[in-house]
Amino acid sequence: MNVLSRFLAVPLLFLGLVAAAPAMAQSSGSVEPDITTRQESDRTIREYRVNGHLYAIEIRPNQGSGYFLVDHDGDGNFERQGSNGIAVPQWVQNRR
């Protein structure tokens, strides 16, 4: 590799990293969901979305324990999960 090639490689590498930064940030575990909350007479419902895709619904009854309904694989079938926190499923992070 000659000197000119090395000189040009550094800026090109930098530009490639800058262009890839949003994709790397998206794939990390730091995805922040959009949360829509609505109050019903006997419970609070929170819907969790990333990039417009609904992946979880949190149900908080006025009395009793809360729980989540989670779409683990993007097929639209929600499964009940305990009241402890949830992570954004990988299928949501990969859709754009």
PDB file of N, CA and C in Angstrom:
ATOM      1  N   MET A   1       0.858  -1.176   0.000  1.00  0.00           N
ATOM      2  CA  MET A   1       0.000   0.000   0.000  1.00  0.00           C
ATOM      3  C   MET A   1       0.897   1.230   0.000  1.00  0.00           C
ATOM      4  N   ASN A   2       0.700   2.114  -0.954  1.00  0.00           N
ATOM      5  CA  ASN A   2       1.557   3.296  -1.001  1.00  0.00           C
ATOM      6  C   ASN A   2       1.029   4.379  -0.063  1.00  0.00           C
ATOM      7  N   VAL A   3       1.769   5.469   0.043  1.00  0.00           N
ATOM      8  CA  VAL A   3       1.442   6.544   0.977  1.00  0.00           C
ATOM      9  C   VAL A   3       0.104   7.194   0.624  1.00  0.00           C
ATOM     10  N   LEU A   4      -0.156   7.415  -0.651  1.00  0.00           N
ATOM     11  CA  LEU A   4      -1.412   8.033  -1.067  1.00  0.00           C
ATOM     12  C   LEU A   4      -2.608   7.161  -0.688  1.00  0.00           C
ATOM     13  N   SER A   5      -2.499   5.855  -0.880  1.00  0.00           N
ATOM     14  CA  SER A   5      -3.581   4.947  -0.512  1.00  0.00           C
ATOM     15  C   SER A   5      -3.854   4.982   0.982  1.00  0.00           C
ATOM     16  N   ARG A   6      -2.805   4.998   1.757  1.00  0.00           N
ATOM     17  CA  ARG A   6      -2.980   5.072   3.218  1.00  0.00           C
ATOM     18  C   ARG A   6      -3.610   6.395   3.621  1.00  0.00           C
ATOM     19  N   PHE A   7      -3.184   7.465   2.963  1.00  0.00           N
ATOM     20  CA  PHE A   7      -3.708   8.794   3.278  1.00  0.00           C
ATOM     21  C   PHE A   7      -5.206   8.864   2.988  1.00  0.00           C
ATOM     22  N   LEU A   8      -5.661   8.238   1.906  1.00  0.00           N
ATOM     23  CA  LEU A   8      -7.075   8.237   1.547  1.00  0.00           C
ATOM     24  C   LEU A   8      -7.885   7.231   2.363  1.00  0.00           C
ATOM     25  N   ALA A   9      -7.261   6.191   2.842  1.00  0.00           N
ATOM     26  CA  ALA A   9      -7.978   5.151   3.583  1.00  0.00           C
ATOM     27  C   ALA A   9      -8.523   5.667   4.903  1.00  0.00           C
ATOM     28  N   VAL A  10      -7.784   6.530   5.579  1.00  0.00           N
ATOM     29  CA  VAL A  10      -8.223   7.019   6.896  1.00  0.00           C
ATOM     30  C   VAL A  10      -9.519   7.817   6.792  1.00  0.00           C
ATOM     31  N   PRO A  11      -9.632   8.823   5.900  1.00  0.00           N
ATOM     32  CA  PRO A  11     -10.909   9.543   5.810  1.00  0.00           C
ATOM     33  C   PRO A  11     -12.073   8.656   5.355  1.00  0.00           C
ATOM     34  N   LEU A  12     -11.798   7.714   4.442  1.00  0.00           N
ATOM     35  CA  LEU A  12     -12.862   6.821   3.992  1.00  0.00           C
ATOM     36  C   LEU A  12     -13.349   5.919   5.117  1.00  0.00           C
ATOM     37  N   LEU A  13     -12.436   5.436   5.930  1.00  0.00           N
ATOM     38  CA  LEU A  13     -12.807   4.627   7.087  1.00  0.00           C
ATOM     39  C   LEU A  13     -13.654   5.445   8.053  1.00  0.00           C
ATOM     40  N   PHE A  14     -13.255   6.684   8.297  1.00  0.00           N
ATOM     41  CA  PHE A  14     -13.997   7.559   9.189  1.00  0.00           C
ATOM     42  C   PHE A  14     -15.414   7.797   8.662  1.00  0.00           C
ATOM     43  N   LEU A  15     -15.548   8.080   7.355  1.00  0.00           N
ATOM     44  CA  LEU A  15     -16.869   8.301   6.765  1.00  0.00           C
ATOM     45  C   LEU A  15     -17.743   7.054   6.869  1.00  0.00           C
ATOM     46  N   GLY A  16     -17.140   5.891   6.698  1.00  0.00           N
ATOM     47  CA  GLY A  16     -17.889   4.647   6.839  1.00  0.00           C
ATOM     48  C   GLY A  16     -18.415   4.459   8.248  1.00  0.00           C
ATOM     49  N   LEU A  17     -17.595   4.794   9.241  1.00  0.00           N
ATOM     50  CA  LEU A  17     -18.040   4.674  10.629  1.00  0.00           C
ATOM     51  C   LEU A  17     -19.145   5.669  10.948  1.00  0.00           C
ATOM     52  N   VAL A  18     -19.033   6.880  10.429  1.00  0.00           N
ATOM     53  CA  VAL A  18     -20.067   7.891  10.658  1.00  0.00           C
ATOM     54  C   VAL A  18     -21.385   7.442  10.031  1.00  0.00           C
ATOM     55  N   ALA A  19     -21.320   6.896   8.823  1.00  0.00           N
ATOM     56  CA  ALA A  19     -22.539   6.436   8.147  1.00  0.00           C
ATOM     57  C   ALA A  19     -23.176   5.258   8.876  1.00  0.00           C
ATOM     58  N   ALA A  20     -22.360   4.407   9.501  1.00  0.00           N
ATOM     59  CA  ALA A  20     -22.874   3.219  10.175  1.00  0.00           C
ATOM     60  C   ALA A  20     -23.339   3.503  11.600  1.00  0.00           C
ATOM     61  N   ALA A  21     -23.020   4.650  12.145  1.00  0.00           N
ATOM     62  CA  ALA A  21     -23.339   4.948  13.551  1.00  0.00           C
ATOM     63  C   ALA A  21     -24.827   4.824  13.870  1.00  0.00           C
ATOM     64  N   PRO A  22     -25.756   5.371  13.051  1.00  0.00           N
ATOM     65  CA  PRO A  22     -27.175   5.198  13.394  1.00  0.00           C
ATOM     66  C   PRO A  22     -27.597   3.735  13.439  1.00  0.00           C
ATOM     67  N   ALA A  23     -27.105   2.925  12.537  1.00  0.00           N
ATOM     68  CA  ALA A  23     -27.459   1.501  12.539  1.00  0.00           C
ATOM     69  C   ALA A  23     -26.903   0.814  13.769  1.00  0.00           C
ATOM     70  N   MET A  24     -25.685   1.167  14.174  1.00  0.00           N
ATOM     71  CA  MET A  24     -25.109   0.558  15.371  1.00  0.00           C
ATOM     72  C   MET A  24     -25.894   0.973  16.615  1.00  0.00           C
ATOM     73  N   ALA A  25     -26.312   2.235  16.674  1.00  0.00           N
ATOM     74  CA  ALA A  25     -27.091   2.691  17.826  1.00  0.00           C
ATOM     75  C   ALA A  25     -28.437   1.993  17.862  1.00  0.00           C
ATOM     76  N   GLN A  26     -29.052   1.786  16.698  1.00  0.00           N
ATOM     77  CA  GLN A  26     -30.350   1.121  16.624  1.00  0.00           C
ATOM     78  C   GLN A  26     -30.254  -0.314  17.101  1.00  0.00           C
ATOM     79  N   SER A  27     -29.146  -0.984  16.810  1.00  0.00           N
ATOM     80  CA  SER A  27     -29.045  -2.394  17.169  1.00  0.00           C
ATOM     81  C   SER A  27     -28.634  -2.596  18.625  1.00  0.00           C
ATOM     82  N   SER A  28     -28.257  -1.544  19.299  1.00  0.00           N
ATOM     83  CA  SER A  28     -27.876  -1.704  20.699  1.00  0.00           C
ATOM     84  C   SER A  28     -29.123  -1.865  21.557  1.00  0.00           C
ATOM     85  N   GLY A  29     -28.936  -2.183  22.819  1.00  0.00           N
ATOM     86  CA  GLY A  29     -30.053  -2.386  23.720  1.00  0.00           C
ATOM     87  C   GLY A  29     -30.675  -1.097  24.226  1.00  0.00           C
ATOM     88  N   SER A  30     -30.266   0.049  23.693  1.00  0.00           N
ATOM     89  CA  SER A  30     -30.737   1.325  24.207  1.00  0.00           C
ATOM     90  C   SER A  30     -31.887   1.912  23.397  1.00  0.00           C
ATOM     91  N   VAL A  31     -32.691   1.073  22.763  1.00  0.00           N
ATOM     92  CA  VAL A  31     -33.832   1.545  21.980  1.00  0.00           C
ATOM     93  C   VAL A  31     -34.904   2.042  22.942  1.00  0.00           C
ATOM     94  N   GLU A  32     -35.349   3.270  22.730  1.00  0.00           N
ATOM     95  CA  GLU A  32     -36.387   3.846  23.580  1.00  0.00           C
ATOM     96  C   GLU A  32     -37.740   3.718  22.891  1.00  0.00           C
ATOM     97  N   PRO A  33     -38.699   3.050  23.510  1.00  0.00           N
ATOM     98  CA  PRO A  33     -40.021   2.896  22.888  1.00  0.00           C
ATOM     99  C   PRO A  33     -40.864   4.157  23.023  1.00  0.00           C
ATOM    100  N   ASP A  34     -41.822   4.290  22.112  1.00  0.00           N
ATOM    101  CA  ASP A  34     -42.879   5.289  22.252  1.00  0.00           C
ATOM    102  C   ASP A  34     -43.965   4.622  23.084  1.00  0.00           C
ATOM    103  N   ILE A  35     -44.413   5.289  24.142  1.00  0.00           N
ATOM    104  CA  ILE A  35     -45.397   4.705  25.050  1.00  0.00           C
ATOM    105  C   ILE A  35     -46.667   5.541  25.010  1.00  0.00           C
ATOM    106  N   THR A  36     -47.779   4.870  24.715  1.00  0.00           N
ATOM    107  CA  THR A  36     -49.092   5.509  24.725  1.00  0.00           C
ATOM    108  C   THR A  36     -49.845   4.981  25.939  1.00  0.00           C
ATOM    109  N   THR A  37     -50.347   5.896  26.759  1.00  0.00           N
ATOM    110  CA  THR A  37     -51.057   5.499  27.981  1.00  0.00           C
ATOM    111  C   THR A  37     -52.504   5.948  27.900  1.00  0.00           C
ATOM    112  N   ARG A  38     -53.402   5.049  28.300  1.00  0.00           N
ATOM    113  CA  ARG A  38     -54.813   5.419  28.392  1.00  0.00           C
ATOM    114  C   ARG A  38     -55.398   4.833  29.678  1.00  0.00           C
ATOM    115  N   GLN A  39     -56.314   5.564  30.243  1.00  0.00           N
ATOM    116  CA  GLN A  39     -56.946   5.162  31.493  1.00  0.00           C
ATOM    117  C   GLN A  39     -58.346   4.662  31.206  1.00  0.00           C
ATOM    118  N   GLU A  40     -58.641   3.465  31.678  1.00  0.00           N
ATOM    119  CA  GLU A  40     -59.996   2.939  31.638  1.00  0.00           C
ATOM    120  C   GLU A  40     -60.528   2.946  33.058  1.00  0.00           C
ATOM    121  N   SER A  41     -61.778   2.617  33.242  1.00  0.00           N
ATOM    122  CA  SER A  41     -62.387   2.727  34.567  1.00  0.00           C
ATOM    123  C   SER A  41     -61.703   1.860  35.611  1.00  0.00           C
ATOM    124  N   ASP A  42     -61.240   0.678  35.225  1.00  0.00           N
ATOM    125  CA  ASP A  42     -60.679  -0.241  36.219  1.00  0.00           C
ATOM    126  C   ASP A  42     -59.197  -0.569  35.991  1.00  0.00           C
ATOM    127  N   ARG A  43     -58.552   0.106  35.010  1.00  0.00           N
ATOM    128  CA  ARG A  43     -57.149  -0.211  34.739  1.00  0.00           C
ATOM    129  C   ARG A  43     -56.488   0.872  33.884  1.00  0.00           C
ATOM    130  N   THR A  44     -55.162   0.838  33.882  1.00  0.00           N
ATOM    131  CA  THR A  44     -54.351   1.689  33.017  1.00  0.00           C
ATOM    132  C   THR A  44     -53.694   0.789  31.983  1.00  0.00           C
ATOM    133  N   ILE A  45     -53.717   1.212  30.732  1.00  0.00           N
ATOM    134  CA  ILE A  45     -53.129   0.433  29.645  1.00  0.00           C
ATOM    135  C   ILE A  45     -52.029   1.270  29.005  1.00  0.00           C
ATOM    136  N   ARG A  46     -50.850   0.660  28.876  1.00  0.00           N
ATOM    137  CA  ARG A  46     -49.716   1.323  28.219  1.00  0.00           C
ATOM    138  C   ARG A  46     -49.290   0.476  27.030  1.00  0.00           C
ATOM    139  N   GLU A  47     -49.233   1.105  25.846  1.00  0.00           N
ATOM    140  CA  GLU A  47     -48.816   0.413  24.623  1.00  0.00           C
ATOM    141  C   GLU A  47     -47.393   0.842  24.281  1.00  0.00           C
ATOM    142  N   TYR A  48     -46.538  -0.129  23.997  1.00  0.00           N
ATOM    143  CA  TYR A  48     -45.125   0.114  23.707  1.00  0.00           C
ATOM    144  C   TYR A  48     -44.869  -0.129  22.221  1.00  0.00           C
ATOM    145  N   ARG A  49     -44.298   0.889  21.552  1.00  0.00           N
ATOM    146  CA  ARG A  49     -43.994   0.796  20.124  1.00  0.00           C
ATOM    147  C   ARG A  49     -42.569   1.272  19.860  1.00  0.00           C
ATOM    148  N   VAL A  50     -41.943   0.660  18.844  1.00  0.00           N
ATOM    149  CA  VAL A  50     -40.676   1.134  18.300  1.00  0.00           C
ATOM    150  C   VAL A  50     -40.857   1.168  16.792  1.00  0.00           C
ATOM    151  N   ASN A  51     -40.518   2.298  16.190  1.00  0.00           N
ATOM    152  CA  ASN A  51     -40.686   2.486  14.743  1.00  0.00           C
ATOM    153  C   ASN A  51     -42.112   2.169  14.304  1.00  0.00           C
ATOM    154  N   GLY A  52     -43.090   2.478  15.155  1.00  0.00           N
ATOM    155  CA  GLY A  52     -44.492   2.266  14.824  1.00  0.00           C
ATOM    156  C   GLY A  52     -45.000   0.851  15.023  1.00  0.00           C
ATOM    157  N   HIS A  53     -44.128  -0.064  15.434  1.00  0.00           N
ATOM    158  CA  HIS A  53     -44.524  -1.466  15.612  1.00  0.00           C
ATOM    159  C   HIS A  53     -44.877  -1.729  17.076  1.00  0.00           C
ATOM    160  N   LEU A  54     -46.125  -2.126  17.307  1.00  0.00           N
ATOM    161  CA  LEU A  54     -46.578  -2.473  18.653  1.00  0.00           C
ATOM    162  C   LEU A  54     -45.988  -3.820  19.042  1.00  0.00           C
ATOM    163  N   TYR A  55     -45.247  -3.848  20.164  1.00  0.00           N
ATOM    164  CA  TYR A  55     -44.648  -5.112  20.587  1.00  0.00           C
ATOM    165  C   TYR A  55     -45.053  -5.513  21.997  1.00  0.00           C
ATOM    166  N   ALA A  56     -45.638  -4.606  22.769  1.00  0.00           N
ATOM    167  CA  ALA A  56     -46.045  -4.970  24.131  1.00  0.00           C
ATOM    168  C   ALA A  56     -47.172  -4.064  24.607  1.00  0.00           C
ATOM    169  N   ILE A  57     -48.006  -4.626  25.456  1.00  0.00           N
ATOM    170  CA  ILE A  57     -49.088  -3.900  26.105  1.00  0.00           C
ATOM    171  C   ILE A  57     -48.978  -4.205  27.596  1.00  0.00           C
ATOM    172  N   GLU A  58     -48.936  -3.149  28.389  1.00  0.00           N
ATOM    173  CA  GLU A  58     -48.877  -3.320  29.845  1.00  0.00           C
ATOM    174  C   GLU A  58     -50.261  -3.033  30.410  1.00  0.00           C
ATOM    175  N   ILE A  59     -50.745  -3.943  31.237  1.00  0.00           N
ATOM    176  CA  ILE A  59     -52.046  -3.795  31.886  1.00  0.00           C
ATOM    177  C   ILE A  59     -51.794  -3.605  33.375  1.00  0.00           C
ATOM    178  N   ARG A  60     -52.266  -2.484  33.895  1.00  0.00           N
ATOM    179  CA  ARG A  60     -52.140  -2.201  35.331  1.00  0.00           C
ATOM    180  C   ARG A  60     -53.537  -2.016  35.921  1.00  0.00           C
ATOM    181  N   PRO A  61     -54.073  -3.084  36.510  1.00  0.00           N
ATOM    182  CA  PRO A  61     -55.399  -2.952  37.134  1.00  0.00           C
ATOM    183  C   PRO A  61     -55.325  -2.019  38.349  1.00  0.00           C
ATOM    184  N   ASN A  62     -56.450  -1.377  38.669  1.00  0.00           N
ATOM    185  CA  ASN A  62     -56.488  -0.539  39.877  1.00  0.00           C
ATOM    186  C   ASN A  62     -56.255  -1.385  41.124  1.00  0.00           C
ATOM    187  N   GLN A  63     -56.672  -2.640  41.084  1.00  0.00           N
ATOM    188  CA  GLN A  63     -56.436  -3.565  42.190  1.00  0.00           C
ATOM    189  C   GLN A  63     -55.798  -4.832  41.623  1.00  0.00           C
ATOM    190  N   GLY A  64     -54.797  -5.342  42.300  1.00  0.00           N
ATOM    191  CA  GLY A  64     -54.149  -6.564  41.846  1.00  0.00           C
ATOM    192  C   GLY A  64     -52.849  -6.278  41.102  1.00  0.00           C
ATOM    193  N   SER A  65     -52.235  -7.351  40.647  1.00  0.00           N
ATOM    194  CA  SER A  65     -50.938  -7.259  39.981  1.00  0.00           C
ATOM    195  C   SER A  65     -51.090  -6.938  38.501  1.00  0.00           C
ATOM    196  N   GLY A  66     -50.148  -6.159  38.007  1.00  0.00           N
ATOM    197  CA  GLY A  66     -50.120  -5.847  36.584  1.00  0.00           C
ATOM    198  C   GLY A  66     -49.409  -6.950  35.810  1.00  0.00           C
ATOM    199  N   TYR A  67     -49.521  -6.876  34.485  1.00  0.00           N
ATOM    200  CA  TYR A  67     -48.863  -7.856  33.626  1.00  0.00           C
ATOM    201  C   TYR A  67     -48.665  -7.247  32.246  1.00  0.00           C
ATOM    202  N   PHE A  68     -47.853  -7.909  31.435  1.00  0.00           N
ATOM    203  CA  PHE A  68     -47.587  -7.493  30.066  1.00  0.00           C
ATOM    204  C   PHE A  68     -48.148  -8.522  29.093  1.00  0.00           C
ATOM    205  N   LEU A  69     -48.565  -8.055  27.935  1.00  0.00           N
ATOM    206  CA  LEU A  69     -48.858  -8.904  26.787  1.00  0.00           C
ATOM    207  C   LEU A  69     -47.767  -8.564  25.772  1.00  0.00           C
ATOM    208  N   VAL A  70     -46.964  -9.556  25.370  1.00  0.00           N
ATOM    209  CA  VAL A  70     -45.791  -9.309  24.537  1.00  0.00           C
ATOM    210  C   VAL A  70     -45.852 -10.138  23.261  1.00  0.00           C
ATOM    211  N   ASP A  71     -45.565  -9.479  22.138  1.00  0.00           N
ATOM    212  CA  ASP A  71     -45.431 -10.157  20.846  1.00  0.00           C
ATOM    213  C   ASP A  71     -43.939 -10.463  20.676  1.00  0.00           C
ATOM    214  N   HIS A  72     -43.534 -11.674  20.992  1.00  0.00           N
ATOM    215  CA  HIS A  72     -42.115 -12.030  21.019  1.00  0.00           C
ATOM    216  C   HIS A  72     -41.490 -12.170  19.637  1.00  0.00           C
ATOM    217  N   ASP A  73     -42.286 -12.507  18.613  1.00  0.00           N
ATOM    218  CA  ASP A  73     -41.673 -12.765  17.310  1.00  0.00           C
ATOM    219  C   ASP A  73     -42.306 -12.004  16.148  1.00  0.00           C
ATOM    220  N   GLY A  74     -43.174 -11.048  16.429  1.00  0.00           N
ATOM    221  CA  GLY A  74     -43.732 -10.204  15.377  1.00  0.00           C
ATOM    222  C   GLY A  74     -44.879 -10.803  14.594  1.00  0.00           C
ATOM    223  N   ASP A  75     -45.462 -11.886  15.089  1.00  0.00           N
ATOM    224  CA  ASP A  75     -46.558 -12.522  14.363  1.00  0.00           C
ATOM    225  C   ASP A  75     -47.936 -11.986  14.756  1.00  0.00           C
ATOM    226  N   GLY A  76     -47.972 -11.033  15.693  1.00  0.00           N
ATOM    227  CA  GLY A  76     -49.247 -10.457  16.123  1.00  0.00           C
ATOM    228  C   GLY A  76     -49.921 -11.199  17.254  1.00  0.00           C
ATOM    229  N   ASN A  77     -49.342 -12.317  17.684  1.00  0.00           N
ATOM    230  CA  ASN A  77     -49.878 -13.063  18.820  1.00  0.00           C
ATOM    231  C   ASN A  77     -49.168 -12.606  20.094  1.00  0.00           C
ATOM    232  N   PHE A  78     -49.949 -12.065  21.008  1.00  0.00           N
ATOM    233  CA  PHE A  78     -49.400 -11.554  22.253  1.00  0.00           C
ATOM    234  C   PHE A  78     -49.538 -12.606  23.341  1.00  0.00           C
ATOM    235  N   GLU A  79     -48.461 -12.806  24.093  1.00  0.00           N
ATOM    236  CA  GLU A  79     -48.454 -13.778  25.183  1.00  0.00           C
ATOM    237  C   GLU A  79     -48.302 -13.046  26.507  1.00  0.00           C
ATOM    238  N   ARG A  80     -49.007 -13.540  27.505  1.00  0.00           N
ATOM    239  CA  ARG A  80     -48.947 -12.926  28.828  1.00  0.00           C
ATOM    240  C   ARG A  80     -47.603 -13.186  29.477  1.00  0.00           C
ATOM    241  N   GLN A  81     -47.086 -12.148  30.118  1.00  0.00           N
ATOM    242  CA  GLN A  81     -45.804 -12.207  30.817  1.00  0.00           C
ATOM    243  C   GLN A  81     -45.971 -11.491  32.143  1.00  0.00           C
ATOM    244  N   GLY A  82     -45.169 -11.853  33.119  1.00  0.00           N
ATOM    245  CA  GLY A  82     -45.259 -11.264  34.454  1.00  0.00           C
ATOM    246  C   GLY A  82     -45.109  -9.756  34.464  1.00  0.00           C
ATOM    247  N   SER A  83     -45.169  -9.174  35.638  1.00  0.00           N
ATOM    248  CA  SER A  83     -45.174  -7.719  35.779  1.00  0.00           C
ATOM    249  C   SER A  83     -43.777  -7.102  35.797  1.00  0.00           C
ATOM    250  N   ASN A  84     -42.725  -7.935  35.815  1.00  0.00           N
ATOM    251  CA  ASN A  84     -41.392  -7.342  35.775  1.00  0.00           C
ATOM    252  C   ASN A  84     -41.117  -6.832  34.364  1.00  0.00           C
ATOM    253  N   GLY A  85     -40.122  -5.981  34.197  1.00  0.00           N
ATOM    254  CA  GLY A  85     -39.859  -5.286  32.939  1.00  0.00           C
ATOM    255  C   GLY A  85     -39.694  -6.190  31.739  1.00  0.00           C
ATOM    256  N   ILE A  86     -39.755  -5.583  30.581  1.00  0.00           N
ATOM    257  CA  ILE A  86     -39.597  -6.308  29.330  1.00  0.00           C
ATOM    258  C   ILE A  86     -38.505  -5.645  28.510  1.00  0.00           C
ATOM    259  N   ALA A  87     -37.883  -6.415  27.646  1.00  0.00           N
ATOM    260  CA  ALA A  87     -36.906  -5.874  26.708  1.00  0.00           C
ATOM    261  C   ALA A  87     -37.561  -5.774  25.339  1.00  0.00           C
ATOM    262  N   VAL A  88     -37.074  -4.844  24.527  1.00  0.00           N
ATOM    263  CA  VAL A  88     -37.585  -4.718  23.167  1.00  0.00           C
ATOM    264  C   VAL A  88     -37.160  -5.964  22.400  1.00  0.00           C
ATOM    265  N   PRO A  89     -38.109  -6.718  21.832  1.00  0.00           N
ATOM    266  CA  PRO A  89     -37.740  -7.925  21.086  1.00  0.00           C
ATOM    267  C   PRO A  89     -36.867  -7.603  19.877  1.00  0.00           C
ATOM    268  N   GLN A  90     -36.033  -8.522  19.499  1.00  0.00           N
ATOM    269  CA  GLN A  90     -35.098  -8.313  18.388  1.00  0.00           C
ATOM    270  C   GLN A  90     -35.826  -8.019  17.080  1.00  0.00           C
ATOM    271  N   TRP A  91     -36.995  -8.639  16.846  1.00  0.00           N
ATOM    272  CA  TRP A  91     -37.703  -8.412  15.580  1.00  0.00           C
ATOM    273  C   TRP A  91     -38.095  -6.959  15.416  1.00  0.00           C
ATOM    274  N   VAL A  92     -38.387  -6.254  16.523  1.00  0.00           N
ATOM    275  CA  VAL A  92     -38.761  -4.841  16.449  1.00  0.00           C
ATOM    276  C   VAL A  92     -37.548  -4.002  16.069  1.00  0.00           C
ATOM    277  N   GLN A  93     -36.406  -4.304  16.645  1.00  0.00           N
ATOM    278  CA  GLN A  93     -35.191  -3.544  16.376  1.00  0.00           C
ATOM    279  C   GLN A  93     -34.732  -3.715  14.942  1.00  0.00           C
ATOM    280  N   ASN A  94     -35.006  -4.861  14.330  1.00  0.00           N
ATOM    281  CA  ASN A  94     -34.544  -5.118  12.980  1.00  0.00           C
ATOM    282  C   ASN A  94     -35.441  -4.545  11.900  1.00  0.00           C
ATOM    283  N   ARG A  95     -36.679  -4.184  12.218  1.00  0.00           N
ATOM    284  CA  ARG A  95     -37.604  -3.611  11.228  1.00  0.00           C
ATOM    285  C   ARG A  95     -37.366  -2.126  11.114  1.00  0.00           C
ATOM    286  N   ARG A  96     -37.534  -1.634   9.919  1.00  0.00           N
ATOM    287  CA  ARG A  96     -37.359  -0.192   9.707  1.00  0.00           C
ATOM    288  C   ARG A  96     -38.496   0.359   8.935  1.00  0.00           C
TER     289      ARG A  96
END
